[in-house]
């Protein structure tokens, strides 16, 4: 029995000594990871801020585009109305030209 007790005690001591991590070992492994995580978190915060700013810019640009589209539609309607008026004026001018040509011809015949 004594022969077994000594190897068992040595085995248990060896397991306990090799299985436990020291605070220094853990700090050596965790500190670099903590620094990387902190850097990534700060980059993520900056990116989230930038995305928020871009969302605001997109909303503003969308509003501006909608206003421009409405203005263009109004301008198009106004242009169509002006073109219609111009066509009517051109027709009146052509009629006046024909009348003046007829008057000119009649005066030439007299």
PDB file of N, CA and C in Angstrom:
ATOM      1  N   UNK A   1       0.804  -1.167   0.000  1.00  0.00           N
ATOM      2  CA  UNK A   1       0.000   0.000   0.000  1.00  0.00           C
ATOM      3  C   UNK A   1       0.868   1.260   0.000  1.00  0.00           C
ATOM      4  N   UNK A   2       1.952   1.245   0.753  1.00  0.00           N
ATOM      5  CA  UNK A   2       2.853   2.377   0.785  1.00  0.00           C
ATOM      6  C   UNK A   2       3.489   2.593  -0.583  1.00  0.00           C
ATOM      7  N   UNK A   3       3.683   1.514  -1.288  1.00  0.00           N
ATOM      8  CA  UNK A   3       4.299   1.631  -2.609  1.00  0.00           C
ATOM      9  C   UNK A   3       3.377   2.393  -3.580  1.00  0.00           C
ATOM     10  N   UNK A   4       2.094   2.278  -3.414  1.00  0.00           N
ATOM     11  CA  UNK A   4       1.144   2.940  -4.307  1.00  0.00           C
ATOM     12  C   UNK A   4       0.860   4.377  -3.889  1.00  0.00           C
ATOM     13  N   UNK A   5       0.973   4.633  -2.630  1.00  0.00           N
ATOM     14  CA  UNK A   5       0.649   5.949  -2.109  1.00  0.00           C
ATOM     15  C   UNK A   5       1.630   7.017  -2.624  1.00  0.00           C
ATOM     16  N   UNK A   6       2.875   6.696  -2.653  1.00  0.00           N
ATOM     17  CA  UNK A   6       3.882   7.654  -3.104  1.00  0.00           C
ATOM     18  C   UNK A   6       3.711   8.006  -4.582  1.00  0.00           C
ATOM     19  N   UNK A   7       3.570   7.071  -5.506  1.00  0.00           N
ATOM     20  CA  UNK A   7       3.366   7.443  -6.918  1.00  0.00           C
ATOM     21  C   UNK A   7       2.063   8.205  -7.132  1.00  0.00           C
ATOM     22  N   UNK A   8       1.016   7.860  -6.380  1.00  0.00           N
ATOM     23  CA  UNK A   8      -0.250   8.566  -6.518  1.00  0.00           C
ATOM     24  C   UNK A   8      -0.117  10.009  -6.044  1.00  0.00           C
ATOM     25  N   UNK A   9       0.593  10.237  -4.961  1.00  0.00           N
ATOM     26  CA  UNK A   9       0.789  11.582  -4.432  1.00  0.00           C
ATOM     27  C   UNK A   9       1.624  12.406  -5.406  1.00  0.00           C
ATOM     28  N   UNK A  10       2.670  11.779  -5.955  1.00  0.00           N
ATOM     29  CA  UNK A  10       3.494  12.491  -6.939  1.00  0.00           C
ATOM     30  C   UNK A  10       2.687  12.820  -8.195  1.00  0.00           C
ATOM     31  N   UNK A  11       1.864  11.903  -8.646  1.00  0.00           N
ATOM     32  CA  UNK A  11       1.027  12.128  -9.834  1.00  0.00           C
ATOM     33  C   UNK A  11       0.026  13.252  -9.604  1.00  0.00           C
ATOM     34  N   UNK A  12      -0.595  13.256  -8.415  1.00  0.00           N
ATOM     35  CA  UNK A  12      -1.561  14.308  -8.099  1.00  0.00           C
ATOM     36  C   UNK A  12      -0.869  15.667  -8.015  1.00  0.00           C
ATOM     37  N   UNK A  13       0.293  15.719  -7.418  1.00  0.00           N
ATOM     38  CA  UNK A  13       1.036  16.970  -7.300  1.00  0.00           C
ATOM     39  C   UNK A  13       1.459  17.473  -8.684  1.00  0.00           C
ATOM     40  N   UNK A  14       1.893  16.526  -9.511  1.00  0.00           N
ATOM     41  CA  UNK A  14       2.297  16.893 -10.862  1.00  0.00           C
ATOM     42  C   UNK A  14       1.109  17.445 -11.665  1.00  0.00           C
ATOM     43  N   UNK A  15      -0.038  16.839 -11.555  1.00  0.00           N
ATOM     44  CA  UNK A  15      -1.239  17.305 -12.236  1.00  0.00           C
ATOM     45  C   UNK A  15      -1.651  18.690 -11.742  1.00  0.00           C
ATOM     46  N   UNK A  16      -1.625  18.882 -10.459  1.00  0.00           N
ATOM     47  CA  UNK A  16      -2.005  20.167  -9.901  1.00  0.00           C
ATOM     48  C   UNK A  16      -1.037  21.259 -10.316  1.00  0.00           C
ATOM     49  N   UNK A  17       0.226  20.958 -10.354  1.00  0.00           N
ATOM     50  CA  UNK A  17       1.232  21.953 -10.693  1.00  0.00           C
ATOM     51  C   UNK A  17       1.175  22.320 -12.173  1.00  0.00           C
ATOM     52  N   UNK A  18       0.928  21.336 -13.033  1.00  0.00           N
ATOM     53  CA  UNK A  18       0.946  21.629 -14.460  1.00  0.00           C
ATOM     54  C   UNK A  18      -0.412  22.094 -14.979  1.00  0.00           C
ATOM     55  N   UNK A  19      -1.493  21.819 -14.295  1.00  0.00           N
ATOM     56  CA  UNK A  19      -2.830  22.147 -14.781  1.00  0.00           C
ATOM     57  C   UNK A  19      -3.281  23.544 -14.441  1.00  0.00           C
ATOM     58  N   UNK A  20      -2.646  24.231 -13.553  1.00  0.00           N
ATOM     59  CA  UNK A  20      -3.091  25.552 -13.138  1.00  0.00           C
ATOM     60  C   UNK A  20      -2.331  26.628 -13.912  1.00  0.00           C
ATOM     61  N   UNK A  21      -3.059  27.601 -14.361  1.00  0.00           N
ATOM     62  CA  UNK A  21      -2.442  28.720 -15.059  1.00  0.00           C
ATOM     63  C   UNK A  21      -2.179  29.832 -14.050  1.00  0.00           C
ATOM     64  N   UNK A  22      -1.035  30.452 -14.203  1.00  0.00           N
ATOM     65  CA  UNK A  22      -0.716  31.552 -13.301  1.00  0.00           C
ATOM     66  C   UNK A  22      -1.379  32.829 -13.801  1.00  0.00           C
ATOM     67  N   UNK A  23      -1.507  33.778 -12.931  1.00  0.00           N
ATOM     68  CA  UNK A  23      -2.098  35.066 -13.299  1.00  0.00           C
ATOM     69  C   UNK A  23      -1.249  35.740 -14.358  1.00  0.00           C
ATOM     70  N   UNK A  24       0.049  35.608 -14.218  1.00  0.00           N
ATOM     71  CA  UNK A  24       0.956  36.214 -15.186  1.00  0.00           C
ATOM     72  C   UNK A  24       0.765  35.591 -16.567  1.00  0.00           C
ATOM     73  N   UNK A  25       0.635  34.292 -16.637  1.00  0.00           N
ATOM     74  CA  UNK A  25       0.427  33.594 -17.905  1.00  0.00           C
ATOM     75  C   UNK A  25      -0.884  34.057 -18.556  1.00  0.00           C
ATOM     76  N   UNK A  26      -1.917  34.112 -17.743  1.00  0.00           N
ATOM     77  CA  UNK A  26      -3.218  34.538 -18.266  1.00  0.00           C
ATOM     78  C   UNK A  26      -3.142  35.986 -18.744  1.00  0.00           C
ATOM     79  N   UNK A  27      -2.514  36.866 -17.965  1.00  0.00           N
ATOM     80  CA  UNK A  27      -2.363  38.259 -18.364  1.00  0.00           C
ATOM     81  C   UNK A  27      -1.593  38.385 -19.672  1.00  0.00           C
ATOM     82  N   UNK A  28      -0.549  37.584 -19.842  1.00  0.00           N
ATOM     83  CA  UNK A  28       0.244  37.621 -21.070  1.00  0.00           C
ATOM     84  C   UNK A  28      -0.597  37.227 -22.280  1.00  0.00           C
ATOM     85  N   UNK A  29      -1.526  36.334 -22.078  1.00  0.00           N
ATOM     86  CA  UNK A  29      -2.370  35.880 -23.188  1.00  0.00           C
ATOM     87  C   UNK A  29      -3.574  36.812 -23.411  1.00  0.00           C
ATOM     88  N   UNK A  30      -4.130  37.358 -22.359  1.00  0.00           N
ATOM     89  CA  UNK A  30      -5.356  38.144 -22.448  1.00  0.00           C
ATOM     90  C   UNK A  30      -5.075  39.600 -22.824  1.00  0.00           C
ATOM     91  N   UNK A  31      -4.014  40.189 -22.321  1.00  0.00           N
ATOM     92  CA  UNK A  31      -3.732  41.605 -22.568  1.00  0.00           C
ATOM     93  C   UNK A  31      -3.654  41.949 -24.055  1.00  0.00           C
ATOM     94  N   UNK A  32      -2.920  41.196 -24.876  1.00  0.00           N
ATOM     95  CA  UNK A  32      -2.906  41.534 -26.310  1.00  0.00           C
ATOM     96  C   UNK A  32      -4.304  41.431 -26.939  1.00  0.00           C
ATOM     97  N   UNK A  33      -5.067  40.428 -26.518  1.00  0.00           N
ATOM     98  CA  UNK A  33      -6.420  40.284 -27.062  1.00  0.00           C
ATOM     99  C   UNK A  33      -7.306  41.441 -26.622  1.00  0.00           C
ATOM    100  N   UNK A  34      -7.138  41.850 -25.387  1.00  0.00           N
ATOM    101  CA  UNK A  34      -7.931  42.972 -24.878  1.00  0.00           C
ATOM    102  C   UNK A  34      -7.602  44.249 -25.651  1.00  0.00           C
ATOM    103  N   UNK A  35      -6.331  44.443 -25.943  1.00  0.00           N
ATOM    104  CA  UNK A  35      -5.925  45.625 -26.707  1.00  0.00           C
ATOM    105  C   UNK A  35      -6.516  45.581 -28.118  1.00  0.00           C
ATOM    106  N   UNK A  36      -6.493  44.411 -28.748  1.00  0.00           N
ATOM    107  CA  UNK A  36      -7.070  44.273 -30.090  1.00  0.00           C
ATOM    108  C   UNK A  36      -8.572  44.506 -30.066  1.00  0.00           C
ATOM    109  N   UNK A  37      -9.251  43.957 -29.072  1.00  0.00           N
ATOM    110  CA  UNK A  37     -10.699  44.139 -28.968  1.00  0.00           C
ATOM    111  C   UNK A  37     -11.030  45.620 -28.756  1.00  0.00           C
ATOM    112  N   UNK A  38     -10.256  46.293 -27.928  1.00  0.00           N
ATOM    113  CA  UNK A  38     -10.482  47.724 -27.687  1.00  0.00           C
ATOM    114  C   UNK A  38     -10.288  48.521 -28.972  1.00  0.00           C
ATOM    115  N   UNK A  39      -9.251  48.192 -29.737  1.00  0.00           N
ATOM    116  CA  UNK A  39      -9.004  48.885 -31.009  1.00  0.00           C
ATOM    117  C   UNK A  39     -10.146  48.623 -31.988  1.00  0.00           C
ATOM    118  N   UNK A  40     -10.605  47.392 -32.041  1.00  0.00           N
ATOM    119  CA  UNK A  40     -11.700  47.052 -32.942  1.00  0.00           C
ATOM    120  C   UNK A  40     -12.983  47.755 -32.517  1.00  0.00           C
ATOM    121  N   UNK A  41     -13.226  47.836 -31.229  1.00  0.00           N
ATOM    122  CA  UNK A  41     -14.423  48.531 -30.743  1.00  0.00           C
ATOM    123  C   UNK A  41     -14.382  50.008 -31.114  1.00  0.00           C
ATOM    124  N   UNK A  42     -13.219  50.638 -30.999  1.00  0.00           N
ATOM    125  CA  UNK A  42     -13.130  52.059 -31.344  1.00  0.00           C
ATOM    126  C   UNK A  42     -13.334  52.254 -32.844  1.00  0.00           C
ATOM    127  N   UNK A  43     -12.786  51.352 -33.660  1.00  0.00           N
ATOM    128  CA  UNK A  43     -13.000  51.431 -35.105  1.00  0.00           C
ATOM    129  C   UNK A  43     -14.468  51.222 -35.434  1.00  0.00           C
ATOM    130  N   UNK A  44     -15.104  50.288 -34.747  1.00  0.00           N
ATOM    131  CA  UNK A  44     -16.523  50.019 -34.966  1.00  0.00           C
ATOM    132  C   UNK A  44     -17.355  51.241 -34.598  1.00  0.00           C
ATOM    133  N   UNK A  45     -17.027  51.891 -33.481  1.00  0.00           N
ATOM    134  CA  UNK A  45     -17.741  53.104 -33.081  1.00  0.00           C
ATOM    135  C   UNK A  45     -17.588  54.195 -34.144  1.00  0.00           C
ATOM    136  N   UNK A  46     -16.363  54.341 -34.665  1.00  0.00           N
ATOM    137  CA  UNK A  46     -16.124  55.349 -35.700  1.00  0.00           C
ATOM    138  C   UNK A  46     -16.926  55.020 -36.962  1.00  0.00           C
ATOM    139  N   UNK A  47     -16.957  53.743 -37.337  1.00  0.00           N
ATOM    140  CA  UNK A  47     -17.712  53.337 -38.521  1.00  0.00           C
ATOM    141  C   UNK A  47     -19.213  53.551 -38.324  1.00  0.00           C
ATOM    142  N   UNK A  48     -19.709  53.243 -37.145  1.00  0.00           N
ATOM    143  CA  UNK A  48     -21.130  53.457 -36.866  1.00  0.00           C
ATOM    144  C   UNK A  48     -21.474  54.941 -36.945  1.00  0.00           C
ATOM    145  N   UNK A  49     -20.579  55.771 -36.444  1.00  0.00           N
ATOM    146  CA  UNK A  49     -20.787  57.212 -36.518  1.00  0.00           C
ATOM    147  C   UNK A  49     -20.807  57.663 -37.973  1.00  0.00           C
ATOM    148  N   UNK A  50     -19.867  57.171 -38.754  1.00  0.00           N
ATOM    149  CA  UNK A  50     -19.782  57.526 -40.185  1.00  0.00           C
ATOM    150  C   UNK A  50     -21.027  57.058 -40.927  1.00  0.00           C
ATOM    151  N   UNK A  51     -21.496  55.853 -40.632  1.00  0.00           N
ATOM    152  CA  UNK A  51     -22.703  55.334 -41.276  1.00  0.00           C
ATOM    153  C   UNK A  51     -23.900  56.214 -40.925  1.00  0.00           C
ATOM    154  N   UNK A  52     -23.986  56.643 -39.676  1.00  0.00           N
ATOM    155  CA  UNK A  52     -25.069  57.535 -39.270  1.00  0.00           C
ATOM    156  C   UNK A  52     -25.033  58.842 -40.039  1.00  0.00           C
ATOM    157  N   UNK A  53     -23.841  59.401 -40.204  1.00  0.00           N
ATOM    158  CA  UNK A  53     -23.699  60.642 -40.958  1.00  0.00           C
ATOM    159  C   UNK A  53     -24.099  60.428 -42.420  1.00  0.00           C
ATOM    160  N   UNK A  54     -23.673  59.307 -42.989  1.00  0.00           N
ATOM    161  CA  UNK A  54     -24.012  59.020 -44.379  1.00  0.00           C
ATOM    162  C   UNK A  54     -25.509  58.810 -44.556  1.00  0.00           C
ATOM    163  N   UNK A  55     -26.152  58.177 -43.586  1.00  0.00           N
ATOM    164  CA  UNK A  55     -27.605  58.007 -43.651  1.00  0.00           C
ATOM    165  C   UNK A  55     -28.296  59.369 -43.677  1.00  0.00           C
ATOM    166  N   UNK A  56     -27.819  60.293 -42.840  1.00  0.00           N
ATOM    167  CA  UNK A  56     -28.391  61.645 -42.831  1.00  0.00           C
ATOM    168  C   UNK A  56     -28.183  62.340 -44.171  1.00  0.00           C
ATOM    169  N   UNK A  57     -26.986  62.174 -44.744  1.00  0.00           N
ATOM    170  CA  UNK A  57     -26.709  62.793 -46.041  1.00  0.00           C
ATOM    171  C   UNK A  57     -27.592  62.203 -47.130  1.00  0.00           C
ATOM    172  N   UNK A  58     -27.796  60.887 -47.080  1.00  0.00           N
ATOM    173  CA  UNK A  58     -28.649  60.228 -48.078  1.00  0.00           C
ATOM    174  C   UNK A  58     -30.087  60.728 -47.955  1.00  0.00           C
ATOM    175  N   UNK A  59     -30.574  60.854 -46.731  1.00  0.00           N
ATOM    176  CA  UNK A  59     -31.932  61.369 -46.535  1.00  0.00           C
ATOM    177  C   UNK A  59     -32.061  62.792 -47.072  1.00  0.00           C
ATOM    178  N   UNK A  60     -31.056  63.619 -46.817  1.00  0.00           N
ATOM    179  CA  UNK A  60     -31.087  65.001 -47.314  1.00  0.00           C
ATOM    180  C   UNK A  60     -31.037  65.020 -48.841  1.00  0.00           C
ATOM    181  N   UNK A  61     -30.186  64.189 -49.425  1.00  0.00           N
ATOM    182  CA  UNK A  61     -30.073  64.128 -50.888  1.00  0.00           C
ATOM    183  C   UNK A  61     -31.368  63.602 -51.505  1.00  0.00           C
ATOM    184  N   UNK A  62     -32.005  62.653 -50.844  1.00  0.00           N
ATOM    185  CA  UNK A  62     -33.274  62.127 -51.347  1.00  0.00           C
ATOM    186  C   UNK A  62     -34.329  63.227 -51.348  1.00  0.00           C
ATOM    187  N   UNK A  63     -34.387  63.997 -50.266  1.00  0.00           N
ATOM    188  CA  UNK A  63     -35.332  65.114 -50.203  1.00  0.00           C
ATOM    189  C   UNK A  63     -35.072  66.128 -51.295  1.00  0.00           C
ATOM    190  N   UNK A  64     -33.811  66.438 -51.519  1.00  0.00           N
ATOM    191  CA  UNK A  64     -33.446  67.384 -52.570  1.00  0.00           C
ATOM    192  C   UNK A  64     -33.831  66.842 -53.948  1.00  0.00           C
ATOM    193  N   UNK A  65     -33.592  65.560 -54.161  1.00  0.00           N
ATOM    194  CA  UNK A  65     -33.938  64.942 -55.449  1.00  0.00           C
ATOM    195  C   UNK A  65     -35.444  64.960 -55.681  1.00  0.00           C
ATOM    196  N   UNK A  66     -36.200  64.717 -54.636  1.00  0.00           N
ATOM    197  CA  UNK A  66     -37.664  64.747 -54.771  1.00  0.00           C
ATOM    198  C   UNK A  66     -38.130  66.159 -55.121  1.00  0.00           C
ATOM    199  N   UNK A  67     -37.556  67.166 -54.436  1.00  0.00           N
ATOM    200  CA  UNK A  67     -37.912  68.551 -54.739  1.00  0.00           C
ATOM    201  C   UNK A  67     -37.533  68.908 -56.173  1.00  0.00           C
ATOM    202  N   UNK A  68     -36.352  68.465 -56.624  1.00  0.00           N
ATOM    203  CA  UNK A  68     -35.907  68.748 -57.990  1.00  0.00           C
ATOM    204  C   UNK A  68     -36.828  68.073 -59.006  1.00  0.00           C
ATOM    205  N   UNK A  69     -37.250  66.862 -58.695  1.00  0.00           N
ATOM    206  CA  UNK A  69     -38.158  66.145 -59.601  1.00  0.00           C
ATOM    207  C   UNK A  69     -39.484  66.885 -59.712  1.00  0.00           C
ATOM    208  N   UNK A  70     -40.014  67.347 -58.578  1.00  0.00           N
ATOM    209  CA  UNK A  70     -41.262  68.107 -58.589  1.00  0.00           C
ATOM    210  C   UNK A  70     -41.099  69.402 -59.380  1.00  0.00           C
ATOM    211  N   UNK A  71     -39.982  70.067 -59.166  1.00  0.00           N
ATOM    212  CA  UNK A  71     -39.706  71.323 -59.878  1.00  0.00           C
ATOM    213  C   UNK A  71     -39.591  71.055 -61.384  1.00  0.00           C
ATOM    214  N   UNK A  72     -38.919  69.973 -61.738  1.00  0.00           N
ATOM    215  CA  UNK A  72     -38.763  69.627 -63.150  1.00  0.00           C
ATOM    216  C   UNK A  72     -40.116  69.301 -63.775  1.00  0.00           C
ATOM    217  N   UNK A  73     -40.971  68.623 -63.017  1.00  0.00           N
ATOM    218  CA  UNK A  73     -42.300  68.303 -63.534  1.00  0.00           C
ATOM    219  C   UNK A  73     -43.090  69.593 -63.778  1.00  0.00           C
ATOM    220  N   UNK A  74     -43.000  70.522 -62.803  1.00  0.00           N
ATOM    221  CA  UNK A  74     -43.682  71.806 -62.981  1.00  0.00           C
ATOM    222  C   UNK A  74     -43.100  72.554 -64.174  1.00  0.00           C
ATOM    223  N   UNK A  75     -41.775  72.554 -64.289  1.00  0.00           N
ATOM    224  CA  UNK A  75     -41.120  73.236 -65.402  1.00  0.00           C
ATOM    225  C   UNK A  75     -41.523  72.614 -66.726  1.00  0.00           C
ATOM    226  N   UNK A  76     -41.640  71.308 -66.736  1.00  0.00           N
ATOM    227  CA  UNK A  76     -42.043  70.613 -67.950  1.00  0.00           C
ATOM    228  C   UNK A  76     -43.461  70.998 -68.350  1.00  0.00           C
ATOM    229  N   UNK A  77     -44.339  71.078 -67.353  1.00  0.00           N
ATOM    230  CA  UNK A  77     -45.721  71.494 -67.623  1.00  0.00           C
ATOM    231  C   UNK A  77     -45.746  72.933 -68.123  1.00  0.00           C
ATOM    232  N   UNK A  78     -44.952  73.795 -67.479  1.00  0.00           N
ATOM    233  CA  UNK A  78     -44.889  75.196 -67.902  1.00  0.00           C
ATOM    234  C   UNK A  78     -44.308  75.304 -69.308  1.00  0.00           C
ATOM    235  N   UNK A  79     -43.288  74.498 -69.600  1.00  0.00           N
ATOM    236  CA  UNK A  79     -42.681  74.515 -70.928  1.00  0.00           C
ATOM    237  C   UNK A  79     -43.681  74.043 -71.983  1.00  0.00           C
ATOM    238  N   UNK A  80     -44.456  73.016 -71.651  1.00  0.00           N
ATOM    239  CA  UNK A  80     -45.461  72.531 -72.591  1.00  0.00           C
ATOM    240  C   UNK A  80     -46.509  73.606 -72.862  1.00  0.00           C
ATOM    241  N   UNK A  81     -46.934  74.295 -71.803  1.00  0.00           N
ATOM    242  CA  UNK A  81     -47.910  75.381 -71.974  1.00  0.00           C
ATOM    243  C   UNK A  81     -47.313  76.515 -72.814  1.00  0.00           C
ATOM    244  N   UNK A  82     -46.070  76.857 -72.549  1.00  0.00           N
ATOM    245  CA  UNK A  82     -45.409  77.922 -73.317  1.00  0.00           C
ATOM    246  C   UNK A  82     -45.256  77.510 -74.779  1.00  0.00           C
ATOM    247  N   UNK A  83     -44.938  76.238 -75.021  1.00  0.00           N
ATOM    248  CA  UNK A  83     -44.807  75.762 -76.395  1.00  0.00           C
ATOM    249  C   UNK A  83     -46.150  75.833 -77.118  1.00  0.00           C
ATOM    250  N   UNK A  84     -47.209  75.501 -76.409  1.00  0.00           N
ATOM    251  CA  UNK A  84     -48.551  75.573 -76.990  1.00  0.00           C
ATOM    252  C   UNK A  84     -48.894  77.022 -77.344  1.00  0.00           C
ATOM    253  N   UNK A  85     -48.589  77.937 -76.424  1.00  0.00           N
ATOM    254  CA  UNK A  85     -48.831  79.362 -76.693  1.00  0.00           C
ATOM    255  C   UNK A  85     -47.981  79.852 -77.857  1.00  0.00           C
ATOM    256  N   UNK A  86     -46.748  79.385 -77.926  1.00  0.00           N
ATOM    257  CA  UNK A  86     -45.861  79.796 -79.015  1.00  0.00           C
ATOM    258  C   UNK A  86     -46.384  79.272 -80.350  1.00  0.00           C
ATOM    259  N   UNK A  87     -46.884  78.050 -80.363  1.00  0.00           N
ATOM    260  CA  UNK A  87     -47.441  77.496 -81.598  1.00  0.00           C
ATOM    261  C   UNK A  87     -48.657  78.293 -82.042  1.00  0.00           C
ATOM    262  N   UNK A  88     -49.494  78.677 -81.085  1.00  0.00           N
ATOM    263  CA  UNK A  88     -50.666  79.482 -81.421  1.00  0.00           C
ATOM    264  C   UNK A  88     -50.236  80.839 -81.957  1.00  0.00           C
ATOM    265  N   UNK A  89     -49.229  81.442 -81.334  1.00  0.00           N
ATOM    266  CA  UNK A  89     -48.726  82.736 -81.792  1.00  0.00           C
ATOM    267  C   UNK A  89     -48.125  82.607 -83.188  1.00  0.00           C
ATOM    268  N   UNK A  90     -47.429  81.513 -83.447  1.00  0.00           N
ATOM    269  CA  UNK A  90     -46.846  81.292 -84.773  1.00  0.00           C
ATOM    270  C   UNK A  90     -47.953  81.143 -85.814  1.00  0.00           C
ATOM    271  N   UNK A  91     -49.000  80.441 -85.449  1.00  0.00           N
ATOM    272  CA  UNK A  91     -50.125  80.281 -86.376  1.00  0.00           C
ATOM    273  C   UNK A  91     -50.759  81.648 -86.665  1.00  0.00           C
ATOM    274  N   UNK A  92     -50.917  82.479 -85.633  1.00  0.00           N
ATOM    275  CA  UNK A  92     -51.481  83.818 -85.841  1.00  0.00           C
ATOM    276  C   UNK A  92     -50.539  84.660 -86.717  1.00  0.00           C
ATOM    277  N   UNK A  93     -49.244  84.510 -86.497  1.00  0.00           N
ATOM    278  CA  UNK A  93     -48.271  85.265 -87.291  1.00  0.00           C
ATOM    279  C   UNK A  93     -48.318  84.827 -88.752  1.00  0.00           C
ATOM    280  N   UNK A  94     -48.444  83.524 -88.988  1.00  0.00           N
ATOM    281  CA  UNK A  94     -48.525  83.037 -90.368  1.00  0.00           C
ATOM    282  C   UNK A  94     -49.803  83.560 -91.045  1.00  0.00           C
ATOM    283  N   UNK A  95     -50.889  83.577 -90.310  1.00  0.00           N
ATOM    284  CA  UNK A  95     -52.153  84.094 -90.847  1.00  0.00           C
ATOM    285  C   UNK A  95     -52.008  85.584 -91.167  1.00  0.00           C
ATOM    286  N   UNK A  96     -51.371  86.322 -90.274  1.00  0.00           N
ATOM    287  CA  UNK A  96     -51.150  87.749 -90.519  1.00  0.00           C
ATOM    288  C   UNK A  96     -50.262  87.944 -91.735  1.00  0.00           C
ATOM    289  N   UNK A  97     -49.253  87.077 -91.918  1.00  0.00           N
ATOM    290  CA  UNK A  97     -48.368  87.161 -93.077  1.00  0.00           C
ATOM    291  C   UNK A  97     -49.151  86.924 -94.364  1.00  0.00           C
ATOM    292  N   UNK A  98     -50.006  85.915 -94.360  1.00  0.00           N
ATOM    293  CA  UNK A  98     -50.813  85.639 -95.553  1.00  0.00           C
ATOM    294  C   UNK A  98     -51.719  86.832 -95.890  1.00  0.00           C
ATOM    295  N   UNK A  99     -52.327  87.401 -94.866  1.00  0.00           N
ATOM    296  CA  UNK A  99     -53.195  88.550 -95.095  1.00  0.00           C
ATOM    297  C   UNK A  99     -52.403  89.721 -95.649  1.00  0.00           C
ATOM    298  N   UNK A 100     -51.217  89.964 -95.100  1.00  0.00           N
ATOM    299  CA  UNK A 100     -50.414  91.087 -95.586  1.00  0.00           C
ATOM    300  C   UNK A 100     -49.933  90.819 -97.013  1.00  0.00           C
ATOM    301  N   UNK A 101     -49.641  89.579 -97.348  1.00  0.00           N
ATOM    302  CA  UNK A 101     -49.240  89.256 -98.723  1.00  0.00           C
ATOM    303  C   UNK A 101     -50.402  89.496 -99.683  1.00  0.00           C
ATOM    304  N   UNK A 102     -51.598  89.110 -99.257  1.00  0.00           N
ATOM    305  CA  UNK A 102     -52.766  89.349-100.100  1.00  0.00           C
ATOM    306  C   UNK A 102     -52.998  90.837-100.291  1.00  0.00           C
ATOM    307  N   UNK A 103     -52.873  91.621 -99.232  1.00  0.00           N
ATOM    308  CA  UNK A 103     -53.032  93.074 -99.339  1.00  0.00           C
ATOM    309  C   UNK A 103     -51.977  93.669-100.274  1.00  0.00           C
ATOM    310  N   UNK A 104     -50.772  93.160-100.164  1.00  0.00           N
ATOM    311  CA  UNK A 104     -49.682  93.645-101.013  1.00  0.00           C
ATOM    312  C   UNK A 104     -50.000  93.340-102.483  1.00  0.00           C
ATOM    313  N   UNK A 105     -50.487  92.141-102.726  1.00  0.00           N
ATOM    314  CA  UNK A 105     -50.834  91.765-104.098  1.00  0.00           C
ATOM    315  C   UNK A 105     -51.983  92.631-104.644  1.00  0.00           C
ATOM    316  N   UNK A 106     -52.962  92.872-103.807  1.00  0.00           N
ATOM    317  CA  UNK A 106     -54.080  93.704-104.241  1.00  0.00           C
ATOM    318  C   UNK A 106     -53.621  95.133-104.534  1.00  0.00           C
ATOM    319  N   UNK A 107     -52.742  95.696-103.765  1.00  0.00           N
ATOM    320  CA  UNK A 107     -52.224  97.038-104.012  1.00  0.00           C
ATOM    321  C   UNK A 107     -51.389  97.071-105.282  1.00  0.00           C
ATOM    322  N   UNK A 108     -50.683  95.966-105.533  1.00  0.00           N
ATOM    323  CA  UNK A 108     -49.864  95.922-106.757  1.00  0.00           C
ATOM    324  C   UNK A 108     -50.748  95.900-107.999  1.00  0.00           C
ATOM    325  N   UNK A 109     -51.919  95.276-107.913  1.00  0.00           N
ATOM    326  CA  UNK A 109     -52.813  95.169-109.038  1.00  0.00           C
ATOM    327  C   UNK A 109     -53.493  96.512-109.334  1.00  0.00           C
ATOM    328  N   UNK A 110     -53.639  97.377-108.405  1.00  0.00           N
ATOM    329  CA  UNK A 110     -54.340  98.645-108.609  1.00  0.00           C
ATOM    330  C   UNK A 110     -53.546  99.581-109.359  1.00  0.00           C
TER     331      UNK A 110
END
